[in-house]
Amino acid sequence: FHVPFCAKKCAYCSFYSGAYSGRTAQD
């Protein structure tokens, strides 16, 4: 399972992710 949320994007990371929100996480 790819969980695409981060509290903050690491400067070295190229994996797909975006900002966390409670509503989006439940969706």
PDB file of all heavy atoms in Angstrom:
ATOM      1  N   PHE A   1       0.855  -1.188   0.000  1.00  0.00           N
ATOM      2  CA  PHE A   1       0.000   0.000   0.000  1.00  0.00           C
ATOM      3  C   PHE A   1       0.891   1.237   0.000  1.00  0.00           C
ATOM      4  O   PHE A   1       1.708   1.413   0.913  1.00  0.00           O
ATOM      5  CB  PHE A   1      -0.905   0.020   1.238  1.00  0.00           C
ATOM      6  CG  PHE A   1      -1.814  -1.170   1.339  1.00  0.00           C
ATOM      7  CD1 PHE A   1      -1.526  -2.208   2.221  1.00  0.00           C
ATOM      8  CD2 PHE A   1      -2.939  -1.273   0.546  1.00  0.00           C
ATOM      9  CE1 PHE A   1      -2.345  -3.309   2.316  1.00  0.00           C
ATOM     10  CE2 PHE A   1      -3.774  -2.376   0.634  1.00  0.00           C
ATOM     11  CZ  PHE A   1      -3.474  -3.399   1.519  1.00  0.00           C
ATOM     12  N   HIS A   2       0.743   2.068  -1.034  1.00  0.00           N
ATOM     13  CA  HIS A   2       1.488   3.320  -1.045  1.00  0.00           C
ATOM     14  C   HIS A   2       0.632   4.392  -0.389  1.00  0.00           C
ATOM     15  O   HIS A   2      -0.440   4.748  -0.897  1.00  0.00           O
ATOM     16  CB  HIS A   2       1.870   3.747  -2.461  1.00  0.00           C
ATOM     17  CG  HIS A   2       2.777   4.937  -2.459  1.00  0.00           C
ATOM     18  ND1 HIS A   2       4.136   4.825  -2.219  1.00  0.00           N
ATOM     19  CD2 HIS A   2       2.530   6.259  -2.610  1.00  0.00           C
ATOM     20  CE1 HIS A   2       4.683   6.021  -2.235  1.00  0.00           C
ATOM     21  NE2 HIS A   2       3.725   6.915  -2.461  1.00  0.00           N
ATOM     22  N   VAL A   3       1.104   4.894   0.742  1.00  0.00           N
ATOM     23  CA  VAL A   3       0.385   5.913   1.512  1.00  0.00           C
ATOM     24  C   VAL A   3       1.020   7.265   1.172  1.00  0.00           C
ATOM     25  O   VAL A   3       2.143   7.549   1.601  1.00  0.00           O
ATOM     26  CB  VAL A   3       0.468   5.629   3.021  1.00  0.00           C
ATOM     27  CG1 VAL A   3      -0.355   6.654   3.793  1.00  0.00           C
ATOM     28  CG2 VAL A   3      -0.023   4.210   3.322  1.00  0.00           C
ATOM     29  N   PRO A   4       0.330   8.109   0.411  1.00  0.00           N
ATOM     30  CA  PRO A   4       0.982   9.259  -0.231  1.00  0.00           C
ATOM     31  C   PRO A   4       0.944  10.550   0.581  1.00  0.00           C
ATOM     32  O   PRO A   4       0.726  11.632   0.027  1.00  0.00           O
ATOM     33  CB  PRO A   4       0.164   9.415  -1.512  1.00  0.00           C
ATOM     34  CG  PRO A   4      -1.222   9.058  -1.072  1.00  0.00           C
ATOM     35  CD  PRO A   4      -1.061   7.954  -0.054  1.00  0.00           C
ATOM     36  N   PHE A   5       1.138  10.452   1.876  1.00  0.00           N
ATOM     37  CA  PHE A   5       1.050  11.644   2.717  1.00  0.00           C
ATOM     38  C   PHE A   5       2.333  11.850   3.509  1.00  0.00           C
ATOM     39  O   PHE A   5       2.932  10.887   4.012  1.00  0.00           O
ATOM     40  CB  PHE A   5      -0.119  11.532   3.703  1.00  0.00           C
ATOM     41  CG  PHE A   5      -1.426  11.212   3.045  1.00  0.00           C
ATOM     42  CD1 PHE A   5      -2.051  10.000   3.284  1.00  0.00           C
ATOM     43  CD2 PHE A   5      -2.029  12.117   2.189  1.00  0.00           C
ATOM     44  CE1 PHE A   5      -3.253   9.686   2.681  1.00  0.00           C
ATOM     45  CE2 PHE A   5      -3.236  11.809   1.571  1.00  0.00           C
ATOM     46  CZ  PHE A   5      -3.852  10.595   1.820  1.00  0.00           C
ATOM     47  N   CYS A   6       2.731  13.109   3.640  1.00  0.00           N
ATOM     48  CA  CYS A   6       3.858  13.474   4.494  1.00  0.00           C
ATOM     49  C   CYS A   6       3.510  14.753   5.238  1.00  0.00           C
ATOM     50  O   CYS A   6       2.817  15.623   4.697  1.00  0.00           O
ATOM     51  CB  CYS A   6       5.128  13.706   3.677  1.00  0.00           C
ATOM     52  SG  CYS A   6       5.911  12.194   3.077  1.00  0.00           S
ATOM     53  N   ALA A   7       3.984  14.859   6.483  1.00  0.00           N
ATOM     54  CA  ALA A   7       3.817  16.112   7.205  1.00  0.00           C
ATOM     55  C   ALA A   7       4.686  17.187   6.563  1.00  0.00           C
ATOM     56  O   ALA A   7       4.343  18.371   6.535  1.00  0.00           O
ATOM     57  CB  ALA A   7       4.203  15.926   8.674  1.00  0.00           C
ATOM     58  N   LYS A   8       5.837  16.739   6.007  1.00  0.00           N
ATOM     59  CA  LYS A   8       6.766  17.659   5.345  1.00  0.00           C
ATOM     60  C   LYS A   8       7.575  16.845   4.346  1.00  0.00           C
ATOM     61  O   LYS A   8       8.055  15.766   4.666  1.00  0.00           O
ATOM     62  CB  LYS A   8       7.696  18.305   6.381  1.00  0.00           C
ATOM     63  CG  LYS A   8       8.801  19.150   5.804  1.00  0.00           C
ATOM     64  CD  LYS A   8       9.757  19.579   6.908  1.00  0.00           C
ATOM     65  CE  LYS A   8      10.991  20.256   6.330  1.00  0.00           C
ATOM     66  NZ  LYS A   8      11.988  20.544   7.379  1.00  0.00           N
ATOM     67  N   LYS A   9       7.734  17.364   3.146  1.00  0.00           N
ATOM     68  CA  LYS A   9       8.480  16.659   2.107  1.00  0.00           C
ATOM     69  C   LYS A   9       9.976  16.780   2.376  1.00  0.00           C
ATOM     70  O   LYS A   9      10.503  17.869   2.527  1.00  0.00           O
ATOM     71  CB  LYS A   9       8.155  17.251   0.735  1.00  0.00           C
ATOM     72  CG  LYS A   9       8.792  16.515  -0.440  1.00  0.00           C
ATOM     73  CD  LYS A   9       8.069  15.233  -0.750  1.00  0.00           C
ATOM     74  CE  LYS A   9       8.554  14.609  -2.039  1.00  0.00           C
ATOM     75  NZ  LYS A   9       7.845  13.361  -2.372  1.00  0.00           N
ATOM     76  N   CYS A  10      10.660  15.629   2.438  1.00  0.00           N
ATOM     77  CA  CYS A  10      12.109  15.649   2.631  1.00  0.00           C
ATOM     78  C   CYS A  10      12.785  16.122   1.349  1.00  0.00           C
ATOM     79  O   CYS A  10      12.373  15.758   0.244  1.00  0.00           O
ATOM     80  CB  CYS A  10      12.617  14.260   3.016  1.00  0.00           C
ATOM     81  SG  CYS A  10      12.097  13.734   4.664  1.00  0.00           S
ATOM     82  N   ALA A  11      13.844  16.906   1.517  1.00  0.00           N
ATOM     83  CA  ALA A  11      14.490  17.566   0.382  1.00  0.00           C
ATOM     84  C   ALA A  11      15.159  16.591  -0.577  1.00  0.00           C
ATOM     85  O   ALA A  11      15.417  16.928  -1.725  1.00  0.00           O
ATOM     86  CB  ALA A  11      15.516  18.578   0.892  1.00  0.00           C
ATOM     87  N   TYR A  12      15.434  15.357  -0.112  1.00  0.00           N
ATOM     88  CA  TYR A  12      16.125  14.376  -0.936  1.00  0.00           C
ATOM     89  C   TYR A  12      15.178  13.352  -1.557  1.00  0.00           C
ATOM     90  O   TYR A  12      15.593  12.518  -2.359  1.00  0.00           O
ATOM     91  CB  TYR A  12      17.171  13.622  -0.106  1.00  0.00           C
ATOM     92  CG  TYR A  12      16.607  13.019   1.159  1.00  0.00           C
ATOM     93  CD1 TYR A  12      15.962  11.789   1.145  1.00  0.00           C
ATOM     94  CD2 TYR A  12      16.694  13.691   2.376  1.00  0.00           C
ATOM     95  CE1 TYR A  12      15.410  11.246   2.292  1.00  0.00           C
ATOM     96  CE2 TYR A  12      16.153  13.154   3.531  1.00  0.00           C
ATOM     97  CZ  TYR A  12      15.524  11.941   3.489  1.00  0.00           C
ATOM     98  OH  TYR A  12      14.975  11.410   4.633  1.00  0.00           O
ATOM     99  N   CYS A  13      13.904  13.392  -1.215  1.00  0.00           N
ATOM    100  CA  CYS A  13      12.976  12.313  -1.558  1.00  0.00           C
ATOM    101  C   CYS A  13      12.295  12.555  -2.898  1.00  0.00           C
ATOM    102  O   CYS A  13      11.745  13.638  -3.144  1.00  0.00           O
ATOM    103  CB  CYS A  13      11.919  12.177  -0.462  1.00  0.00           C
ATOM    104  SG  CYS A  13      10.731  10.854  -0.785  1.00  0.00           S
ATOM    105  N   SER A  14      12.303  11.510  -3.744  1.00  0.00           N
ATOM    106  CA  SER A  14      11.631  11.595  -5.045  1.00  0.00           C
ATOM    107  C   SER A  14      10.387  10.713  -5.101  1.00  0.00           C
ATOM    108  O   SER A  14       9.739  10.634  -6.149  1.00  0.00           O
ATOM    109  CB  SER A  14      12.592  11.191  -6.164  1.00  0.00           C
ATOM    110  OG  SER A  14      13.009   9.846  -6.006  1.00  0.00           O
ATOM    111  N   PHE A  15      10.046  10.037  -4.002  1.00  0.00           N
ATOM    112  CA  PHE A  15       8.842   9.215  -3.993  1.00  0.00           C
ATOM    113  C   PHE A  15       7.601  10.100  -4.016  1.00  0.00           C
ATOM    114  O   PHE A  15       7.613  11.218  -3.485  1.00  0.00           O
ATOM    115  CB  PHE A  15       8.801   8.309  -2.756  1.00  0.00           C
ATOM    116  CG  PHE A  15       9.840   7.231  -2.769  1.00  0.00           C
ATOM    117  CD1 PHE A  15      10.803   7.158  -1.775  1.00  0.00           C
ATOM    118  CD2 PHE A  15       9.870   6.287  -3.768  1.00  0.00           C
ATOM    119  CE1 PHE A  15      11.766   6.175  -1.783  1.00  0.00           C
ATOM    120  CE2 PHE A  15      10.824   5.285  -3.791  1.00  0.00           C
ATOM    121  CZ  PHE A  15      11.767   5.232  -2.792  1.00  0.00           C
ATOM    122  N   TYR A  16       6.538   9.586  -4.604  1.00  0.00           N
ATOM    123  CA  TYR A  16       5.324  10.385  -4.719  1.00  0.00           C
ATOM    124  C   TYR A  16       4.670  10.576  -3.352  1.00  0.00           C
ATOM    125  O   TYR A  16       4.396   9.607  -2.629  1.00  0.00           O
ATOM    126  CB  TYR A  16       4.318   9.712  -5.668  1.00  0.00           C
ATOM    127  CG  TYR A  16       3.030  10.484  -5.765  1.00  0.00           C
ATOM    128  CD1 TYR A  16       2.960  11.645  -6.526  1.00  0.00           C
ATOM    129  CD2 TYR A  16       1.907  10.088  -5.059  1.00  0.00           C
ATOM    130  CE1 TYR A  16       1.791  12.389  -6.601  1.00  0.00           C
ATOM    131  CE2 TYR A  16       0.726  10.816  -5.122  1.00  0.00           C
ATOM    132  CZ  TYR A  16       0.679  11.963  -5.891  1.00  0.00           C
ATOM    133  OH  TYR A  16      -0.478  12.705  -5.952  1.00  0.00           O
ATOM    134  N   SER A  17       4.414  11.830  -2.997  1.00  0.00           N
ATOM    135  CA  SER A  17       3.682  12.133  -1.760  1.00  0.00           C
ATOM    136  C   SER A  17       3.196  13.570  -1.821  1.00  0.00           C
ATOM    137  O   SER A  17       3.677  14.377  -2.620  1.00  0.00           O
ATOM    138  CB  SER A  17       4.560  11.932  -0.520  1.00  0.00           C
ATOM    139  OG  SER A  17       5.613  12.877  -0.487  1.00  0.00           O
ATOM    140  N   GLY A  18       2.230  13.871  -0.943  1.00  0.00           N
ATOM    141  CA  GLY A  18       1.698  15.222  -0.841  1.00  0.00           C
ATOM    142  C   GLY A  18       1.371  15.530   0.603  1.00  0.00           C
ATOM    143  O   GLY A  18       1.593  14.720   1.507  1.00  0.00           O
ATOM    144  N   ALA A  19       0.821  16.692   0.832  1.00  0.00           N
ATOM    145  CA  ALA A  19       0.514  17.128   2.193  1.00  0.00           C
ATOM    146  C   ALA A  19      -0.598  16.286   2.804  1.00  0.00           C
ATOM    147  O   ALA A  19      -1.533  15.860   2.114  1.00  0.00           O
ATOM    148  CB  ALA A  19       0.119  18.601   2.192  1.00  0.00           C
ATOM    149  N   TYR A  20      -0.489  16.059   4.102  1.00  0.00           N
ATOM    150  CA  TYR A  20      -1.491  15.276   4.826  1.00  0.00           C
ATOM    151  C   TYR A  20      -2.672  16.165   5.209  1.00  0.00           C
ATOM    152  O   TYR A  20      -2.507  17.311   5.630  1.00  0.00           O
ATOM    153  CB  TYR A  20      -0.870  14.688   6.100  1.00  0.00           C
ATOM    154  CG  TYR A  20      -1.895  14.058   7.022  1.00  0.00           C
ATOM    155  CD1 TYR A  20      -2.322  12.757   6.819  1.00  0.00           C
ATOM    156  CD2 TYR A  20      -2.455  14.787   8.070  1.00  0.00           C
ATOM    157  CE1 TYR A  20      -3.277  12.172   7.647  1.00  0.00           C
ATOM    158  CE2 TYR A  20      -3.410  14.215   8.905  1.00  0.00           C
ATOM    159  CZ  TYR A  20      -3.817  12.912   8.690  1.00  0.00           C
ATOM    160  OH  TYR A  20      -4.762  12.346   9.501  1.00  0.00           O
ATOM    161  N   SER A  21      -3.872  15.618   5.041  1.00  0.00           N
ATOM    162  CA  SER A  21      -5.069  16.214   5.645  1.00  0.00           C
ATOM    163  C   SER A  21      -5.957  15.076   6.107  1.00  0.00           C
ATOM    164  O   SER A  21      -6.002  14.017   5.462  1.00  0.00           O
ATOM    165  CB  SER A  21      -5.817  17.122   4.661  1.00  0.00           C
ATOM    166  OG  SER A  21      -6.640  16.366   3.798  1.00  0.00           O
ATOM    167  N   GLY A  22      -6.653  15.273   7.209  1.00  0.00           N
ATOM    168  CA  GLY A  22      -7.480  14.212   7.770  1.00  0.00           C
ATOM    169  C   GLY A  22      -8.554  13.734   6.818  1.00  0.00           C
ATOM    170  O   GLY A  22      -8.792  12.527   6.678  1.00  0.00           O
ATOM    171  N   ARG A  23      -9.215  14.657   6.115  1.00  0.00           N
ATOM    172  CA  ARG A  23     -10.292  14.292   5.192  1.00  0.00           C
ATOM    173  C   ARG A  23      -9.744  13.493   4.004  1.00  0.00           C
ATOM    174  O   ARG A  23     -10.312  12.456   3.617  1.00  0.00           O
ATOM    175  CB  ARG A  23     -11.004  15.550   4.699  1.00  0.00           C
ATOM    176  CG  ARG A  23     -12.049  15.301   3.622  1.00  0.00           C
ATOM    177  CD  ARG A  23     -13.151  14.354   4.136  1.00  0.00           C
ATOM    178  NE  ARG A  23     -14.098  14.030   3.083  1.00  0.00           N
ATOM    179  CZ  ARG A  23     -15.200  14.757   2.823  1.00  0.00           C
ATOM    180  NH1 ARG A  23     -15.443  15.852   3.508  1.00  0.00           N
ATOM    181  NH2 ARG A  23     -16.030  14.377   1.876  1.00  0.00           N
ATOM    182  N   THR A  24      -8.640  13.965   3.447  1.00  0.00           N
ATOM    183  CA  THR A  24      -8.063  13.267   2.304  1.00  0.00           C
ATOM    184  C   THR A  24      -7.581  11.873   2.699  1.00  0.00           C
ATOM    185  O   THR A  24      -7.723  10.912   1.935  1.00  0.00           O
ATOM    186  CB  THR A  24      -6.899  14.080   1.706  1.00  0.00           C
ATOM    187  OG1 THR A  24      -7.356  15.395   1.403  1.00  0.00           O
ATOM    188  CG2 THR A  24      -6.361  13.431   0.439  1.00  0.00           C
ATOM    189  N   ALA A  25      -7.017  11.761   3.902  1.00  0.00           N
ATOM    190  CA  ALA A  25      -6.543  10.461   4.363  1.00  0.00           C
ATOM    191  C   ALA A  25      -7.682   9.462   4.467  1.00  0.00           C
ATOM    192  O   ALA A  25      -7.541   8.293   4.080  1.00  0.00           O
ATOM    193  CB  ALA A  25      -5.832  10.609   5.709  1.00  0.00           C
ATOM    194  N   GLN A  26      -8.835   9.898   4.974  1.00  0.00           N
ATOM    195  CA  GLN A  26      -9.971   8.981   5.080  1.00  0.00           C
ATOM    196  C   GLN A  26     -10.513   8.624   3.700  1.00  0.00           C
ATOM    197  O   GLN A  26     -10.891   7.468   3.462  1.00  0.00           O
ATOM    198  CB  GLN A  26     -11.075   9.593   5.940  1.00  0.00           C
ATOM    199  CG  GLN A  26     -12.210   8.617   6.252  1.00  0.00           C
ATOM    200  CD  GLN A  26     -11.718   7.322   6.886  1.00  0.00           C
ATOM    201  OE1 GLN A  26     -10.980   7.332   7.874  1.00  0.00           O
ATOM    202  NE2 GLN A  26     -12.106   6.177   6.309  1.00  0.00           N
ATOM    203  N   ASP A  27     -10.527   9.580   2.792  1.00  0.00           N
ATOM    204  CA  ASP A  27     -10.948   9.281   1.420  1.00  0.00           C
ATOM    205  C   ASP A  27      -9.990   8.285   0.780  1.00  0.00           C
ATOM    206  O   ASP A  27     -10.409   7.396   0.011  1.00  0.00           O
ATOM    207  CB  ASP A  27     -10.996  10.565   0.595  1.00  0.00           C
ATOM    208  CG  ASP A  27     -12.154  11.479   0.994  1.00  0.00           C
ATOM    209  OD1 ASP A  27     -13.093  10.988   1.652  1.00  0.00           O
ATOM    210  OD2 ASP A  27     -12.107  12.669   0.649  1.00  0.00           O
TER     211      ASP A  27
END
